Amino acid sequence: MFRCLSVRLQKQLSRKYGNKEYPKWVITIPPKQVEALGWNEGEFLESEVNSLELVIRREDIQKAQKRKEAADKAWKTRKQKVTK
């Protein structure tokens, strides 16, 4: 098990619409922990709060496949509208 005493939560501006700002939160995870989990850059993760703890895990394979299929379908639909 890897323990790290300095994982950092950062607030960043996600977007601004009119006078309203929408933040996003970023957690910095040490590279050794990412490697130990077998995670890769760009990979989708799932999170849940359980007893005041944040649990992060790799996205379920079936859910990832459905999301990919939906994105592919949306991209094809968009390309068809642009070429018309």
C-alpha atoms as a PDB file:
ATOM      1  CA  MET A   1       0.000   0.000   0.000  1.00  0.00           C
ATOM      2  CA  PHE A   2       1.248   3.488  -0.882  1.00  0.00           C
ATOM      3  CA  ARG A   3       0.686   6.276   1.591  1.00  0.00           C
ATOM      4  CA  CYS A   4       1.164   9.892   0.708  1.00  0.00           C
ATOM      5  CA  LEU A   5       0.827  12.757   3.121  1.00  0.00           C
ATOM      6  CA  SER A   6       0.674  15.484   0.493  1.00  0.00           C
ATOM      7  CA  VAL A   7      -2.175  14.970  -1.929  1.00  0.00           C
ATOM      8  CA  ARG A   8      -3.413  18.400  -2.900  1.00  0.00           C
ATOM      9  CA  LEU A   9      -6.892  19.663  -3.789  1.00  0.00           C
ATOM     10  CA  GLN A  10      -6.878  22.610  -6.186  1.00  0.00           C
ATOM     11  CA  LYS A  11      -9.686  24.819  -7.463  1.00  0.00           C
ATOM     12  CA  GLN A  12      -9.492  25.890 -11.112  1.00  0.00           C
ATOM     13  CA  LEU A  13     -11.763  27.929 -13.342  1.00  0.00           C
ATOM     14  CA  SER A  14     -13.642  25.546 -15.619  1.00  0.00           C
ATOM     15  CA  ARG A  15     -15.543  28.184 -17.570  1.00  0.00           C
ATOM     16  CA  LYS A  16     -17.125  31.596 -17.253  1.00  0.00           C
ATOM     17  CA  TYR A  17     -20.578  32.422 -18.596  1.00  0.00           C
ATOM     18  CA  GLY A  18     -21.604  36.048 -18.266  1.00  0.00           C
ATOM     19  CA  ASN A  19     -20.700  37.112 -14.735  1.00  0.00           C
ATOM     20  CA  LYS A  20     -20.881  33.552 -13.353  1.00  0.00           C
ATOM     21  CA  GLU A  21     -17.744  31.477 -12.869  1.00  0.00           C
ATOM     22  CA  TYR A  22     -17.888  27.669 -12.740  1.00  0.00           C
ATOM     23  CA  PRO A  23     -15.015  26.004 -10.893  1.00  0.00           C
ATOM     24  CA  LYS A  24     -13.668  22.492 -11.154  1.00  0.00           C
ATOM     25  CA  TRP A  25     -11.655  20.683  -8.540  1.00  0.00           C
ATOM     26  CA  VAL A  26      -8.414  18.845  -9.283  1.00  0.00           C
ATOM     27  CA  ILE A  27      -6.634  16.319  -7.081  1.00  0.00           C
ATOM     28  CA  THR A  28      -2.930  15.741  -7.632  1.00  0.00           C
ATOM     29  CA  ILE A  29      -2.106  12.042  -7.317  1.00  0.00           C
ATOM     30  CA  PRO A  30       1.571  11.026  -7.037  1.00  0.00           C
ATOM     31  CA  PRO A  31       2.929   9.171 -10.106  1.00  0.00           C
ATOM     32  CA  LYS A  32       3.906   6.078  -8.091  1.00  0.00           C
ATOM     33  CA  GLN A  33       0.303   5.639  -6.962  1.00  0.00           C
ATOM     34  CA  VAL A  34      -1.006   6.087 -10.521  1.00  0.00           C
ATOM     35  CA  GLU A  35       1.487   3.487 -11.746  1.00  0.00           C
ATOM     36  CA  ALA A  36       0.588   1.071  -8.924  1.00  0.00           C
ATOM     37  CA  LEU A  37      -3.086   1.332  -9.936  1.00  0.00           C
ATOM     38  CA  GLY A  38      -2.293   0.767 -13.613  1.00  0.00           C
ATOM     39  CA  TRP A  39      -4.071   3.987 -14.582  1.00  0.00           C
ATOM     40  CA  ASN A  40      -3.231   5.810 -17.817  1.00  0.00           C
ATOM     41  CA  GLU A  41      -3.452   9.442 -18.848  1.00  0.00           C
ATOM     42  CA  GLY A  42      -6.874  10.282 -20.284  1.00  0.00           C
ATOM     43  CA  GLU A  43      -8.533   7.260 -18.705  1.00  0.00           C
ATOM     44  CA  PHE A  44     -12.018   7.820 -17.278  1.00  0.00           C
ATOM     45  CA  LEU A  45     -12.470   7.242 -13.573  1.00  0.00           C
ATOM     46  CA  GLU A  46     -15.545   6.991 -11.362  1.00  0.00           C
ATOM     47  CA  SER A  47     -15.874   8.515  -7.921  1.00  0.00           C
ATOM     48  CA  GLU A  48     -18.243   8.279  -4.990  1.00  0.00           C
ATOM     49  CA  VAL A  49     -18.388   9.616  -1.460  1.00  0.00           C
ATOM     50  CA  ASN A  50     -18.624   6.847   1.115  1.00  0.00           C
ATOM     51  CA  SER A  51     -18.639   7.680   4.854  1.00  0.00           C
ATOM     52  CA  LEU A  52     -16.991  11.072   4.219  1.00  0.00           C
ATOM     53  CA  GLU A  53     -14.248   9.464   2.107  1.00  0.00           C
ATOM     54  CA  LEU A  54     -13.760   9.927  -1.617  1.00  0.00           C
ATOM     55  CA  VAL A  55     -13.397   6.600  -3.448  1.00  0.00           C
ATOM     56  CA  ILE A  56     -11.945   6.763  -6.980  1.00  0.00           C
ATOM     57  CA  ARG A  57     -11.804   3.764  -9.287  1.00  0.00           C
ATOM     58  CA  ARG A  58     -11.333   2.958 -12.957  1.00  0.00           C
ATOM     59  CA  GLU A  59     -14.553   3.302 -14.928  1.00  0.00           C
ATOM     60  CA  ASP A  60     -16.491   0.078 -15.463  1.00  0.00           C
ATOM     61  CA  ILE A  61     -15.614  -1.449 -18.871  1.00  0.00           C
ATOM     62  CA  GLN A  62     -19.261  -1.736 -19.993  1.00  0.00           C
ATOM     63  CA  LYS A  63     -19.989   1.863 -19.026  1.00  0.00           C
ATOM     64  CA  ALA A  64     -16.865   3.029 -20.864  1.00  0.00           C
ATOM     65  CA  GLN A  65     -17.926   1.125 -23.992  1.00  0.00           C
ATOM     66  CA  LYS A  66     -21.424   2.662 -23.926  1.00  0.00           C
ATOM     67  CA  ARG A  67     -19.952   6.146 -23.508  1.00  0.00           C
ATOM     68  CA  LYS A  68     -17.550   5.539 -26.407  1.00  0.00           C
ATOM     69  CA  GLU A  69     -20.378   4.307 -28.658  1.00  0.00           C
ATOM     70  CA  ALA A  70     -22.506   7.358 -27.788  1.00  0.00           C
ATOM     71  CA  ALA A  71     -19.583   9.700 -28.505  1.00  0.00           C
ATOM     72  CA  ASP A  72     -18.876   7.975 -31.840  1.00  0.00           C
ATOM     73  CA  LYS A  73     -22.549   8.252 -32.830  1.00  0.00           C
ATOM     74  CA  ALA A  74     -22.652  11.942 -31.866  1.00  0.00           C
ATOM     75  CA  TRP A  75     -19.465  12.607 -33.834  1.00  0.00           C
ATOM     76  CA  LYS A  76     -20.861  10.880 -36.953  1.00  0.00           C
ATOM     77  CA  THR A  77     -24.119  12.841 -36.655  1.00  0.00           C
ATOM     78  CA  ARG A  78     -22.183  16.091 -36.322  1.00  0.00           C
ATOM     79  CA  LYS A  79     -20.026  15.302 -39.358  1.00  0.00           C
ATOM     80  CA  GLN A  80     -23.147  14.560 -41.423  1.00  0.00           C
ATOM     81  CA  LYS A  81     -24.730  17.924 -40.470  1.00  0.00           C
ATOM     82  CA  VAL A  82     -21.556  19.822 -41.341  1.00  0.00           C
ATOM     83  CA  THR A  83     -21.225  18.225 -44.796  1.00  0.00           C
ATOM     84  CA  LYS A  84     -24.866  18.929 -45.785  1.00  0.00           C
END
